[in-house]
N, C-alpha and C. Protein backbone atom coordinates (compact mmCIF):
# COMPACT_ATOMS: atom_id res chain seq x y z
N MET A 1 46.39 156.14 42.53
CA MET A 1 45.38 155.11 42.30
C MET A 1 45.80 153.82 43.00
N ALA A 2 44.87 153.21 43.70
CA ALA A 2 45.17 151.98 44.44
C ALA A 2 45.37 150.80 43.49
N LYS A 3 46.27 149.93 43.88
CA LYS A 3 46.50 148.71 43.10
C LYS A 3 45.34 147.75 43.32
N PRO A 4 45.02 146.94 42.30
CA PRO A 4 44.00 145.90 42.50
C PRO A 4 44.53 144.86 43.49
N ILE A 5 43.64 144.30 44.28
CA ILE A 5 44.03 143.32 45.29
C ILE A 5 43.93 141.91 44.72
N LEU A 6 44.96 141.12 44.95
CA LEU A 6 44.96 139.69 44.63
C LEU A 6 45.04 138.95 45.95
N LEU A 7 44.03 138.16 46.24
CA LEU A 7 44.01 137.33 47.44
C LEU A 7 44.52 135.95 47.08
N SER A 8 45.61 135.55 47.71
CA SER A 8 46.19 134.23 47.50
C SER A 8 45.90 133.40 48.76
N ILE A 9 45.09 132.35 48.58
CA ILE A 9 44.76 131.48 49.71
C ILE A 9 45.60 130.22 49.57
N VAL A 10 46.59 130.11 50.46
CA VAL A 10 47.55 129.00 50.40
C VAL A 10 47.36 128.16 51.65
N GLU A 11 46.53 127.13 51.54
CA GLU A 11 46.26 126.27 52.70
C GLU A 11 47.31 125.18 52.84
N LEU A 12 47.62 124.50 51.75
CA LEU A 12 48.60 123.42 51.80
C LEU A 12 49.94 123.82 51.21
N GLY A 13 49.91 124.58 50.14
CA GLY A 13 51.15 125.01 49.50
C GLY A 13 51.87 123.85 48.84
N GLY A 14 53.19 123.86 48.95
CA GLY A 14 53.98 122.82 48.30
C GLY A 14 54.28 123.15 46.85
N TYR A 15 54.10 124.40 46.48
CA TYR A 15 54.40 124.88 45.13
C TYR A 15 55.10 126.22 45.27
N PRO A 16 55.67 126.73 44.19
CA PRO A 16 56.42 127.99 44.29
C PRO A 16 55.57 129.14 44.82
N ASP A 17 56.23 130.08 45.46
CA ASP A 17 55.59 131.30 45.92
C ASP A 17 55.50 132.24 44.72
N PHE A 18 54.30 132.57 44.29
CA PHE A 18 54.11 133.40 43.11
C PHE A 18 53.93 134.88 43.45
N LYS A 19 54.25 135.27 44.67
CA LYS A 19 54.03 136.66 45.09
C LYS A 19 54.77 137.65 44.19
N ASP A 20 56.00 137.34 43.81
CA ASP A 20 56.74 138.26 42.93
C ASP A 20 56.05 138.40 41.58
N LEU A 21 55.54 137.32 41.05
CA LEU A 21 54.79 137.37 39.79
C LEU A 21 53.56 138.26 39.95
N TYR A 22 52.80 138.04 41.01
CA TYR A 22 51.58 138.82 41.25
C TYR A 22 51.91 140.30 41.36
N GLU A 23 52.92 140.62 42.16
CA GLU A 23 53.30 142.02 42.34
C GLU A 23 53.84 142.63 41.04
N GLY A 24 54.59 141.83 40.28
CA GLY A 24 55.11 142.30 39.00
C GLY A 24 54.02 142.65 38.00
N LEU A 25 52.86 142.03 38.18
CA LEU A 25 51.71 142.31 37.30
C LEU A 25 50.85 143.46 37.85
N GLY A 26 51.31 144.06 38.96
CA GLY A 26 50.64 145.25 39.47
C GLY A 26 49.62 145.03 40.57
N TYR A 27 49.61 143.85 41.17
CA TYR A 27 48.65 143.56 42.23
C TYR A 27 49.23 143.86 43.60
N GLU A 28 48.36 144.29 44.50
CA GLU A 28 48.66 144.30 45.93
C GLU A 28 48.28 142.90 46.40
N VAL A 29 49.24 142.17 46.96
CA VAL A 29 49.03 140.76 47.29
C VAL A 29 48.72 140.59 48.78
N VAL A 30 47.64 139.86 49.04
CA VAL A 30 47.28 139.47 50.40
C VAL A 30 47.32 137.96 50.43
N VAL A 31 48.16 137.39 51.30
CA VAL A 31 48.27 135.94 51.43
C VAL A 31 47.62 135.51 52.74
N ILE A 32 46.70 134.57 52.64
CA ILE A 32 46.03 134.03 53.82
C ILE A 32 46.15 132.51 53.77
N GLN A 33 46.43 131.90 54.91
CA GLN A 33 46.71 130.47 54.93
C GLN A 33 45.60 129.60 55.51
N GLN A 34 44.48 130.20 55.85
CA GLN A 34 43.34 129.42 56.36
C GLN A 34 42.07 129.94 55.71
N MET A 35 41.26 129.03 55.20
CA MET A 35 40.03 129.43 54.51
C MET A 35 39.11 130.22 55.42
N ARG A 36 39.06 129.84 56.67
CA ARG A 36 38.18 130.55 57.60
C ARG A 36 38.60 132.02 57.71
N LYS A 37 39.89 132.31 57.73
CA LYS A 37 40.37 133.70 57.77
C LYS A 37 40.12 134.40 56.44
N ALA A 38 40.23 133.66 55.35
CA ALA A 38 39.94 134.24 54.03
C ALA A 38 38.48 134.64 53.95
N LEU A 39 37.59 133.82 54.48
CA LEU A 39 36.16 134.15 54.46
C LEU A 39 35.88 135.43 55.25
N ARG A 40 36.57 135.59 56.36
CA ARG A 40 36.42 136.82 57.15
C ARG A 40 36.91 138.03 56.36
N PHE A 41 38.06 137.87 55.70
CA PHE A 41 38.63 138.94 54.87
C PHE A 41 37.64 139.33 53.76
N LEU A 42 37.02 138.36 53.15
CA LEU A 42 36.12 138.60 52.01
C LEU A 42 34.80 139.27 52.42
N LYS A 43 34.48 139.27 53.69
CA LYS A 43 33.27 139.96 54.14
C LYS A 43 33.40 141.47 53.95
N ASN A 44 34.64 141.97 54.01
CA ASN A 44 34.86 143.42 53.95
C ASN A 44 35.67 143.89 52.74
N THR A 45 36.18 142.96 51.97
CA THR A 45 37.07 143.32 50.86
C THR A 45 36.70 142.54 49.62
N GLN A 46 36.62 143.26 48.50
CA GLN A 46 36.38 142.58 47.22
C GLN A 46 37.67 142.64 46.41
N PRO A 47 38.40 141.52 46.38
CA PRO A 47 39.64 141.51 45.59
C PRO A 47 39.32 141.45 44.09
N SER A 48 40.28 141.86 43.30
CA SER A 48 40.14 141.74 41.84
C SER A 48 40.31 140.29 41.42
N VAL A 49 41.23 139.58 42.12
CA VAL A 49 41.54 138.20 41.78
C VAL A 49 41.69 137.40 43.07
N ILE A 50 41.20 136.16 43.03
CA ILE A 50 41.44 135.20 44.11
C ILE A 50 42.12 133.99 43.49
N VAL A 51 43.25 133.60 44.07
CA VAL A 51 43.94 132.38 43.67
C VAL A 51 43.86 131.44 44.87
N ALA A 52 43.27 130.27 44.65
CA ALA A 52 43.06 129.34 45.77
C ALA A 52 43.28 127.91 45.32
N GLU A 53 43.46 127.03 46.29
CA GLU A 53 43.67 125.61 46.03
C GLU A 53 42.37 124.84 46.24
N PHE A 54 42.17 123.83 45.41
CA PHE A 54 41.09 122.87 45.66
C PHE A 54 41.73 121.71 46.40
N ASN A 55 41.36 121.58 47.66
CA ASN A 55 41.87 120.49 48.50
C ASN A 55 40.70 119.58 48.81
N PHE A 56 40.61 118.48 48.08
CA PHE A 56 39.51 117.56 48.27
C PHE A 56 39.53 117.01 49.69
N GLN A 57 38.37 117.05 50.33
CA GLN A 57 38.25 116.57 51.70
C GLN A 57 37.11 115.56 51.76
N SER A 58 37.47 114.30 51.75
CA SER A 58 36.47 113.23 51.70
C SER A 58 35.61 113.15 52.95
N ASP A 59 36.05 113.75 54.04
CA ASP A 59 35.28 113.69 55.28
C ASP A 59 34.14 114.70 55.33
N PHE A 60 34.04 115.59 54.32
CA PHE A 60 32.91 116.52 54.26
C PHE A 60 31.70 115.79 53.72
N ARG A 61 30.60 115.90 54.39
CA ARG A 61 29.39 115.19 53.98
C ARG A 61 28.65 115.91 52.84
N ASP A 62 28.58 117.24 52.92
CA ASP A 62 27.75 117.99 51.98
C ASP A 62 28.52 118.79 50.94
N ARG A 63 29.83 118.69 50.92
CA ARG A 63 30.64 119.42 49.95
C ARG A 63 31.97 118.72 49.77
N THR A 64 32.73 119.16 48.78
CA THR A 64 34.00 118.49 48.48
C THR A 64 35.21 119.16 49.12
N SER A 65 35.08 120.45 49.44
CA SER A 65 36.21 121.16 50.05
C SER A 65 35.74 122.48 50.64
N SER A 66 36.61 123.11 51.40
CA SER A 66 36.27 124.41 51.98
C SER A 66 36.24 125.50 50.89
N LEU A 67 36.79 125.20 49.73
CA LEU A 67 36.74 126.14 48.62
C LEU A 67 35.28 126.45 48.25
N GLU A 68 34.40 125.49 48.40
CA GLU A 68 32.98 125.71 48.10
C GLU A 68 32.39 126.83 48.95
N SER A 69 32.76 126.88 50.21
CA SER A 69 32.26 127.95 51.08
C SER A 69 32.70 129.31 50.57
N MET A 70 33.95 129.40 50.16
CA MET A 70 34.47 130.66 49.64
C MET A 70 33.77 131.04 48.35
N LEU A 71 33.61 130.09 47.44
CA LEU A 71 32.96 130.39 46.16
C LEU A 71 31.51 130.84 46.36
N ALA A 72 30.82 130.23 47.29
CA ALA A 72 29.45 130.63 47.58
C ALA A 72 29.41 132.05 48.14
N SER A 73 30.37 132.38 48.98
CA SER A 73 30.36 133.70 49.62
C SER A 73 30.72 134.83 48.66
N ILE A 74 31.42 134.54 47.58
CA ILE A 74 31.81 135.63 46.66
C ILE A 74 30.92 135.73 45.43
N GLN A 75 29.85 134.98 45.37
CA GLN A 75 28.98 135.04 44.20
C GLN A 75 28.46 136.45 43.95
N ARG A 76 28.37 137.26 44.98
CA ARG A 76 27.91 138.65 44.83
C ARG A 76 28.98 139.54 44.20
N TYR A 77 30.22 139.08 44.19
CA TYR A 77 31.33 139.85 43.61
C TYR A 77 31.46 139.50 42.14
N GLN A 78 30.68 140.13 41.32
CA GLN A 78 30.63 139.82 39.90
C GLN A 78 31.96 140.01 39.17
N LYS A 79 32.78 140.97 39.61
CA LYS A 79 34.01 141.27 38.88
C LYS A 79 35.24 140.57 39.42
N THR A 80 35.11 139.82 40.48
CA THR A 80 36.26 139.11 41.04
C THR A 80 36.57 137.89 40.19
N ARG A 81 37.82 137.80 39.75
CA ARG A 81 38.28 136.66 38.96
C ARG A 81 38.76 135.58 39.94
N VAL A 82 38.51 134.31 39.59
CA VAL A 82 38.90 133.21 40.46
C VAL A 82 39.76 132.22 39.67
N ILE A 83 40.93 131.93 40.23
CA ILE A 83 41.85 130.95 39.65
C ILE A 83 42.04 129.85 40.68
N VAL A 84 41.85 128.61 40.25
CA VAL A 84 41.93 127.49 41.19
C VAL A 84 43.05 126.54 40.76
N PHE A 85 43.86 126.14 41.73
CA PHE A 85 44.89 125.11 41.52
C PHE A 85 44.32 123.80 42.05
N TYR A 86 44.56 122.68 41.31
CA TYR A 86 44.08 121.39 41.80
C TYR A 86 44.99 120.26 41.34
N GLU A 87 44.91 119.16 42.08
CA GLU A 87 45.67 117.95 41.77
C GLU A 87 44.93 117.14 40.70
N LYS A 88 45.67 116.63 39.73
CA LYS A 88 45.06 115.82 38.66
C LYS A 88 44.31 114.62 39.22
N GLU A 89 44.82 114.04 40.29
CA GLU A 89 44.19 112.85 40.86
C GLU A 89 42.80 113.14 41.44
N TYR A 90 42.48 114.41 41.66
CA TYR A 90 41.17 114.78 42.18
C TYR A 90 40.29 115.43 41.11
N LYS A 91 40.62 115.20 39.86
CA LYS A 91 39.88 115.80 38.75
C LYS A 91 38.39 115.46 38.82
N HIS A 92 38.06 114.23 39.12
CA HIS A 92 36.65 113.82 39.19
C HIS A 92 35.89 114.64 40.24
N GLN A 93 36.46 114.81 41.41
CA GLN A 93 35.82 115.60 42.46
C GLN A 93 35.79 117.08 42.08
N PHE A 94 36.86 117.54 41.42
CA PHE A 94 36.92 118.94 41.00
C PHE A 94 35.83 119.23 39.96
N GLU A 95 35.57 118.28 39.09
CA GLU A 95 34.53 118.46 38.07
C GLU A 95 33.16 118.66 38.71
N LYS A 96 32.92 118.02 39.84
CA LYS A 96 31.66 118.22 40.56
C LYS A 96 31.54 119.67 41.02
N LEU A 97 32.65 120.22 41.47
CA LEU A 97 32.68 121.61 41.90
C LEU A 97 32.43 122.55 40.71
N GLU A 98 33.03 122.21 39.58
CA GLU A 98 32.86 123.03 38.37
C GLU A 98 31.41 123.05 37.88
N GLN A 99 30.65 122.02 38.19
CA GLN A 99 29.24 121.99 37.80
C GLN A 99 28.42 123.00 38.59
N ARG A 100 28.88 123.34 39.78
CA ARG A 100 28.14 124.26 40.65
C ARG A 100 28.65 125.69 40.61
N PHE A 101 29.94 125.87 40.32
CA PHE A 101 30.54 127.19 40.35
C PHE A 101 31.38 127.41 39.10
N SER A 102 31.54 128.66 38.74
CA SER A 102 32.40 128.95 37.59
C SER A 102 33.68 129.63 38.07
N PHE A 103 34.75 129.39 37.32
CA PHE A 103 36.06 129.97 37.62
C PHE A 103 36.56 130.62 36.34
N ASP A 104 37.53 131.46 36.48
CA ASP A 104 38.15 132.05 35.30
C ASP A 104 39.25 131.15 34.76
N ALA A 105 39.83 130.34 35.65
CA ALA A 105 40.84 129.39 35.21
C ALA A 105 41.03 128.32 36.27
N ALA A 106 41.39 127.12 35.81
CA ALA A 106 41.73 126.01 36.70
C ALA A 106 43.04 125.44 36.18
N LEU A 107 44.05 125.44 37.03
CA LEU A 107 45.38 124.97 36.64
C LEU A 107 45.75 123.75 37.48
N THR A 108 46.28 122.73 36.83
CA THR A 108 46.68 121.53 37.56
C THR A 108 48.14 121.63 38.02
N PHE A 109 48.40 120.97 39.13
CA PHE A 109 49.78 120.88 39.63
C PHE A 109 50.58 119.97 38.73
N PRO A 110 51.85 120.22 38.51
CA PRO A 110 52.60 121.38 38.97
C PRO A 110 52.17 122.63 38.20
N ILE A 111 52.11 123.75 38.89
CA ILE A 111 51.64 125.00 38.30
C ILE A 111 52.74 125.60 37.44
N SER A 112 52.40 125.87 36.20
CA SER A 112 53.32 126.53 35.28
C SER A 112 53.23 128.03 35.50
N GLU A 113 54.35 128.65 35.85
CA GLU A 113 54.34 130.10 36.09
C GLU A 113 53.91 130.86 34.84
N SER A 114 54.32 130.38 33.66
CA SER A 114 53.95 131.08 32.43
C SER A 114 52.43 130.98 32.17
N LYS A 115 51.83 129.82 32.44
CA LYS A 115 50.37 129.68 32.27
C LYS A 115 49.65 130.59 33.26
N LEU A 116 50.13 130.61 34.50
CA LEU A 116 49.52 131.45 35.51
C LEU A 116 49.63 132.92 35.10
N GLU A 117 50.79 133.30 34.61
CA GLU A 117 50.98 134.69 34.17
C GLU A 117 50.02 135.02 33.03
N ASN A 118 49.87 134.11 32.06
CA ASN A 118 48.94 134.35 30.95
C ASN A 118 47.51 134.55 31.45
N VAL A 119 47.10 133.72 32.39
CA VAL A 119 45.74 133.83 32.95
C VAL A 119 45.57 135.17 33.65
N LEU A 120 46.57 135.56 34.43
CA LEU A 120 46.48 136.82 35.16
C LEU A 120 46.53 138.02 34.23
N GLU A 121 47.35 137.95 33.19
CA GLU A 121 47.40 139.06 32.22
C GLU A 121 46.06 139.20 31.53
N TYR A 122 45.41 138.08 31.20
CA TYR A 122 44.09 138.13 30.60
C TYR A 122 43.10 138.78 31.57
N SER A 123 43.18 138.43 32.85
CA SER A 123 42.29 139.00 33.85
C SER A 123 42.49 140.51 33.94
N THR A 124 43.75 140.94 33.88
CA THR A 124 44.05 142.37 33.99
C THR A 124 43.52 143.12 32.79
N THR A 125 43.74 142.59 31.58
CA THR A 125 43.27 143.28 30.38
C THR A 125 41.76 143.27 30.29
N SER A 126 41.11 142.21 30.74
CA SER A 126 39.65 142.18 30.67
C SER A 126 39.03 143.08 31.73
N ASP A 127 39.75 143.35 32.84
CA ASP A 127 39.25 144.30 33.86
C ASP A 127 39.26 145.72 33.32
N SER A 128 40.26 146.05 32.51
CA SER A 128 40.40 147.42 32.06
C SER A 128 39.64 147.72 30.79
N SER A 129 39.04 146.72 30.17
CA SER A 129 38.31 146.97 28.92
C SER A 129 36.85 147.25 29.17
């Protein structure tokens, strides 16, 4: 039986590599470092979980970040869980995004590995029920 796929989109990084955690929870991990490449990947693959960063970009006229493009493109994937990491200082902009899209979890930096593990374990158990 194939492992569920976890897509980790790490555009800026600057936080621990959680690949060992993801694999320890039974995921096949795909790491992509550019949203444009992630969007291409998502055209042909429906991951079980997507972990991505909210990177506020004030120079965008019609959206707050490239994360919006990804969220719009996966709306057809009803079973894909989405976990978003964001900076507390951009909470106001992130809340605008939350009004338009839903996520399974939003974690603020610094990311607690135990909180992330709890969110992922919940995602795994809710997938199998």
